[in-house]
Protein backbone atom coordinates (compact mmCIF):
# COMPACT_ATOMS: atom_id res chain seq x y z
CA MET A 1 -0.03 -0.05 -0.04
CA LYS A 2 2.73 2.37 0.85
CA LYS A 3 4.56 1.63 -2.41
CA THR A 4 1.36 2.31 -4.51
CA PHE A 5 0.53 5.68 -2.73
CA ALA A 6 4.15 6.74 -3.42
CA LEU A 7 3.73 5.93 -6.95
CA LEU A 8 0.53 7.76 -7.35
CA VAL A 9 2.15 11.00 -5.59
CA ALA A 10 4.98 10.71 -8.16
CA VAL A 11 2.79 10.53 -11.25
CA PRO A 12 1.55 14.14 -11.64
CA THR A 13 5.10 15.03 -12.44
CA LEU A 14 4.38 13.08 -15.90
CA VAL A 15 1.68 15.90 -16.76
CA ILE A 16 4.55 18.36 -17.16
CA SER A 17 5.31 18.67 -20.70
CA VAL A 18 8.98 18.13 -21.84
CA GLN A 19 8.25 18.86 -25.57
CA ALA A 20 10.93 21.09 -27.29
CA THR A 21 10.64 23.57 -30.23
CA THR A 22 13.72 23.88 -32.64
CA TYR A 23 14.34 26.97 -34.63
CA LEU A 24 16.72 26.99 -37.74
CA GLY A 25 19.37 29.78 -38.61
CA ASN A 26 18.74 31.72 -41.92
CA THR A 27 21.67 29.75 -43.57
CA LYS A 28 23.84 32.98 -44.26
CA ASN A 29 27.35 32.76 -43.17
CA GLY A 30 28.82 36.49 -43.06
CA PHE A 31 30.70 35.72 -39.90
CA GLY A 32 31.46 32.23 -40.91
CA GLY A 33 28.06 30.40 -40.25
CA ALA A 34 28.04 29.49 -36.62
CA ILE A 35 24.39 31.07 -36.27
CA GLY A 36 23.11 31.07 -39.95
CA GLY A 37 24.00 27.44 -39.88
CA GLY A 38 23.03 26.69 -36.51
CA SER A 39 19.98 25.69 -34.72
CA LEU A 40 18.19 26.74 -31.37
CA THR A 41 16.00 24.50 -29.35
CA LEU A 42 13.81 25.75 -26.31
CA SER A 43 11.77 23.75 -23.85
CA ASP A 44 10.47 24.42 -20.31
CA ASN A 45 9.19 22.69 -17.09
CA GLY A 46 6.51 25.27 -16.29
CA THR A 47 9.00 27.58 -14.42
CA THR A 48 12.26 27.55 -16.40
CA ILE A 49 12.89 27.69 -20.14
CA SER A 50 15.82 25.91 -21.38
CA GLY A 51 17.93 26.79 -24.48
CA SER A 52 20.21 24.67 -26.50
CA PHE A 53 22.09 26.28 -29.10
CA THR A 54 23.85 23.90 -31.74
CA LYS A 55 26.70 25.89 -33.65
CA GLY A 56 27.07 25.70 -37.36
CA SER A 57 30.34 26.03 -39.19
CA GLY A 58 32.76 28.81 -38.01
CA GLY A 59 33.51 29.92 -34.40
CA PHE A 60 30.87 31.16 -32.00
CA ASP A 61 33.44 34.45 -31.62
CA ASN A 62 30.65 37.11 -31.44
CA ALA A 63 27.48 37.78 -29.60
CA LEU A 64 24.08 36.12 -30.30
CA VAL A 65 21.36 38.63 -29.29
CA ILE A 66 17.83 37.02 -29.09
CA TYR A 67 14.96 39.79 -28.80
CA ILE A 68 11.98 38.76 -26.96
CA ASP A 69 8.41 40.25 -27.27
CA SER A 70 6.41 38.60 -24.23
CA VAL A 71 4.28 41.58 -22.72
CA ALA A 72 2.44 44.54 -23.88
CA GLY A 73 4.30 47.48 -25.32
CA GLY A 74 7.75 47.26 -26.26
CA PHE A 75 10.19 48.68 -29.13
CA SER A 76 10.10 48.14 -32.91
CA ASP A 77 13.55 48.77 -33.48
CA THR A 78 16.83 49.44 -31.78
CA SER A 79 17.30 53.13 -32.68
CA GLY A 80 16.84 54.22 -29.02
CA PHE A 81 19.27 52.00 -27.45
CA GLY A 82 22.50 53.79 -26.61
CA ASP A 83 23.93 51.57 -23.72
CA ALA A 84 27.48 50.92 -24.84
CA GLN A 85 28.92 50.32 -21.36
CA ASP A 86 30.12 46.76 -22.15
CA GLY A 87 30.43 44.37 -24.87
CA LEU A 88 27.02 42.63 -24.58
CA ARG A 89 25.22 45.95 -24.00
CA LYS A 90 26.80 47.10 -27.29
CA ALA A 91 25.41 44.17 -29.12
CA ILE A 92 21.77 44.56 -27.78
CA SER A 93 22.09 48.24 -28.58
CA GLY A 94 23.71 47.71 -32.02
CA PHE A 95 25.74 50.90 -31.05
CA ASP A 96 29.41 51.27 -29.91
CA GLY A 97 29.17 54.86 -28.67
CA SER A 98 29.67 56.34 -32.31
CA ASN A 99 28.77 53.73 -34.79
CA ARG A 100 25.33 52.39 -35.10
CA SER A 101 23.52 49.29 -36.80
CA THR A 102 19.75 49.80 -36.33
CA LEU A 103 17.72 46.72 -36.43
CA THR A 104 14.06 47.01 -37.23
CA LEU A 105 11.94 44.19 -36.18
CA PRO A 106 9.06 42.62 -37.94
CA THR A 107 5.67 44.28 -38.29
CA GLY A 108 3.94 43.36 -34.95
CA PHE A 109 7.07 42.62 -32.79
CA LEU A 110 7.60 44.80 -30.07
CA ALA A 111 10.77 43.65 -28.16
CA ASP A 112 10.58 43.87 -24.26
CA TYR A 113 13.52 41.68 -23.34
CA ALA A 114 16.97 40.66 -25.00
CA ILE A 115 19.08 37.67 -24.25
CA ALA A 116 22.97 38.14 -25.09
CA LEU A 117 25.23 35.32 -25.46
CA GLY A 118 28.83 35.94 -25.83
CA PRO A 119 30.68 32.57 -24.98
CA ALA A 120 34.02 33.51 -26.15
CA ASN A 121 34.18 37.33 -26.55
CA GLU A 122 32.45 38.28 -23.21
CA ASN A 123 32.51 34.70 -21.49
CA PHE A 124 28.88 35.60 -20.35
CA GLY A 125 25.18 35.42 -21.18
CA GLY A 126 22.52 37.34 -19.72
CA LEU A 127 18.93 38.83 -19.70
CA TRP A 128 18.10 42.41 -20.02
CA GLN A 129 15.06 44.63 -19.82
CA LEU A 130 14.96 46.87 -23.01
CA VAL A 131 15.03 50.56 -22.16
CA ASN A 132 15.90 53.63 -24.43
CA GLY A 133 18.92 55.63 -23.07
CA GLY A 134 22.68 55.81 -22.55
CA ASN A 135 25.13 53.74 -20.72
CA ASN A 136 23.66 51.39 -17.94
CA SER A 137 20.34 52.07 -19.29
CA LEU A 138 19.38 48.32 -20.04
CA ASN A 139 17.94 46.93 -17.04
CA PHE A 140 19.78 43.86 -16.20
CA GLN A 141 17.58 40.87 -15.09
CA ALA A 142 19.88 37.78 -14.61
CA SER A 143 22.74 35.79 -15.77
CA VAL A 144 21.13 32.92 -18.21
CA ASN A 145 23.85 30.25 -17.00
CA LEU A 146 25.59 30.14 -20.41
CA SER A 147 27.75 27.11 -20.59
CA PRO A 148 30.28 26.54 -21.86
CA THR A 149 32.10 29.76 -21.90
CA GLY A 150 35.74 30.80 -22.70
CA THR A 151 35.51 28.81 -26.20
CA SER A 152 34.14 29.63 -29.51
CA SER A 153 34.45 25.92 -30.68
CA ALA A 154 31.87 23.99 -28.66
CA ALA A 155 29.31 22.07 -30.73
CA SER A 156 26.58 23.19 -28.45
CA TYR A 157 25.73 25.66 -25.71
CA SER A 158 23.12 25.81 -23.17
CA PHE A 159 21.40 28.54 -21.21
CA SER A 160 18.26 29.01 -19.13
CA PHE A 161 15.84 31.87 -17.72
CA ASP A 162 12.57 31.87 -15.78
CA PHE A 163 9.42 32.83 -17.30
CA SER A 164 9.08 35.37 -14.45
CA GLN A 165 12.04 37.03 -15.72
CA ILE A 166 10.10 38.09 -18.94
CA GLY A 167 6.65 38.85 -17.50
CA LEU A 168 5.07 35.50 -17.88
CA THR A 169 3.75 32.74 -15.67
CA GLY A 170 4.55 29.61 -17.70
CA ILE A 171 0.96 28.39 -18.00
CA ALA A 172 0.17 26.28 -20.84
CA GLY A 173 -0.62 28.78 -23.88
CA ASP A 174 1.64 31.41 -22.73
CA SER A 175 3.77 32.50 -25.58
CA PHE A 176 6.43 34.76 -26.81
CA LYS A 177 8.00 36.13 -29.99
CA LEU A 178 11.71 35.77 -30.68
CA PHE A 179 14.41 36.82 -33.30
CA GLY A 180 18.12 36.20 -33.06
CA THR A 181 20.81 38.34 -34.79
CA TYR A 182 24.51 37.76 -34.75
CA ILE A 183 26.51 40.80 -34.03
CA SER A 184 30.05 41.80 -32.70
CA ASN A 185 30.46 43.40 -29.39
CA SER A 186 31.18 46.64 -31.24
CA GLY A 187 27.65 46.81 -32.87
CA PHE A 188 28.90 45.54 -36.23
CA ARG A 189 26.04 43.31 -37.50
CA SER A 190 26.33 40.20 -39.67
CA ASP A 191 23.56 38.94 -42.12
CA GLU A 192 23.32 35.85 -39.78
CA ALA A 193 19.97 35.42 -38.01
CA ILE A 194 18.03 32.49 -36.25
CA ALA A 195 14.40 32.01 -35.62
CA GLY A 196 13.77 34.29 -38.53
CA ASP A 197 15.39 36.06 -41.35
CA ASP A 198 16.71 39.58 -42.02
CA THR A 199 18.02 41.90 -44.89
CA GLY A 200 20.81 44.52 -44.81
CA THR A 201 24.37 44.98 -45.64
CA GLN A 202 26.77 43.55 -43.26
CA GLY A 203 28.41 46.28 -41.04
CA TRP A 204 27.23 49.16 -39.16
CA ASN A 205 24.32 49.67 -41.59
CA PRO A 206 20.49 49.43 -40.98
CA PHE A 207 18.88 45.90 -40.92
CA THR A 208 15.52 44.79 -41.06
CA ALA A 209 14.08 41.51 -39.67
CA THR A 210 11.78 39.97 -42.24
CA SER A 211 10.28 37.04 -40.11
CA SER A 212 10.44 35.84 -36.45
CA ALA A 213 9.28 32.96 -34.50
CA VAL A 214 7.07 31.97 -31.80
CA TYR A 215 7.59 29.91 -28.51
CA VAL A 216 4.32 28.43 -27.06
CA VAL A 217 3.96 26.59 -23.80
CA PRO A 218 2.67 23.29 -24.63
CA GLU A 219 -0.48 21.70 -23.14
CA PRO A 220 0.17 18.76 -20.97
CA SER A 221 0.51 15.74 -22.95
CA THR A 222 -2.46 13.79 -23.61
CA LEU A 223 -0.70 10.59 -23.14
CA SER A 224 0.45 11.55 -19.47
CA LEU A 225 -3.11 12.48 -18.72
CA LEU A 226 -4.41 9.21 -19.79
CA GLY A 227 -1.58 7.49 -17.87
CA LEU A 228 -2.68 9.28 -14.66
CA ALA A 229 -6.26 8.60 -15.11
CA GLY A 230 -5.48 4.81 -15.75
CA LEU A 231 -3.20 4.64 -12.44
CA GLY A 232 -5.84 6.51 -10.61
CA GLY A 233 -8.30 3.92 -11.48
CA TRP A 234 -6.02 0.88 -10.82
CA PHE A 235 -5.34 2.37 -7.48
CA TRP A 236 -9.02 2.71 -6.65
CA ALA A 237 -9.55 -0.90 -7.79
CA ARG A 238 -6.78 -2.12 -5.28
CA LEU A 239 -8.44 -0.30 -2.58
CA ARG A 240 -11.81 -1.58 -3.23
CA GLY A 241 -10.39 -5.09 -3.37
CA GLY A 242 -8.64 -4.59 -0.07
CA LYS A 243 -5.26 -5.18 -1.29
């Protein structure tokens, strides 16, 4: 009886979905193809979003900036971002203090947050809330636990952050838009993108994102729910049978 009860208590964890969504790079290779030839996979456990980036050809020498549209309001482009305090802030802003590459996001995409991953050039990955302004204006939220760092040649890189850090609860049906751009820590932008595509001339020049992607928190698995119902019925039958 004790074993049966313990098993029944453990089963609800099966209802948490572990489905994953994979987004491909845009196949461009202006900076060597690490991002354009790569792929990004996101999954969640209802609280934390886990990301795994698989590198394409070329070294991950620059910064991958993933813009996120998750709440009301936000920014349609990066023209007002002037935070050049450090390399990842420059990458998010597309601005090094004097040179700028403005990124215009797709119609209907209003960015609220940005994740910047710089495993080799900055040895760090973080999440910032977007704000117009000068140095230190971007609102640092948290480290995203980027691993590994100190190398540009790993086959894959992992990171994670919480739904609450981008203004969401993580319930089934929650969603956010995302678009990733590959850019140096001086704001010099490549043509490589992921979870969407862009157009523009590589360098400190304007770019326009022509498409983006969406991550949707999946519903609990039907199979898991059926399994839970079946086990509940079995447990009830055991109780009625006195076993």
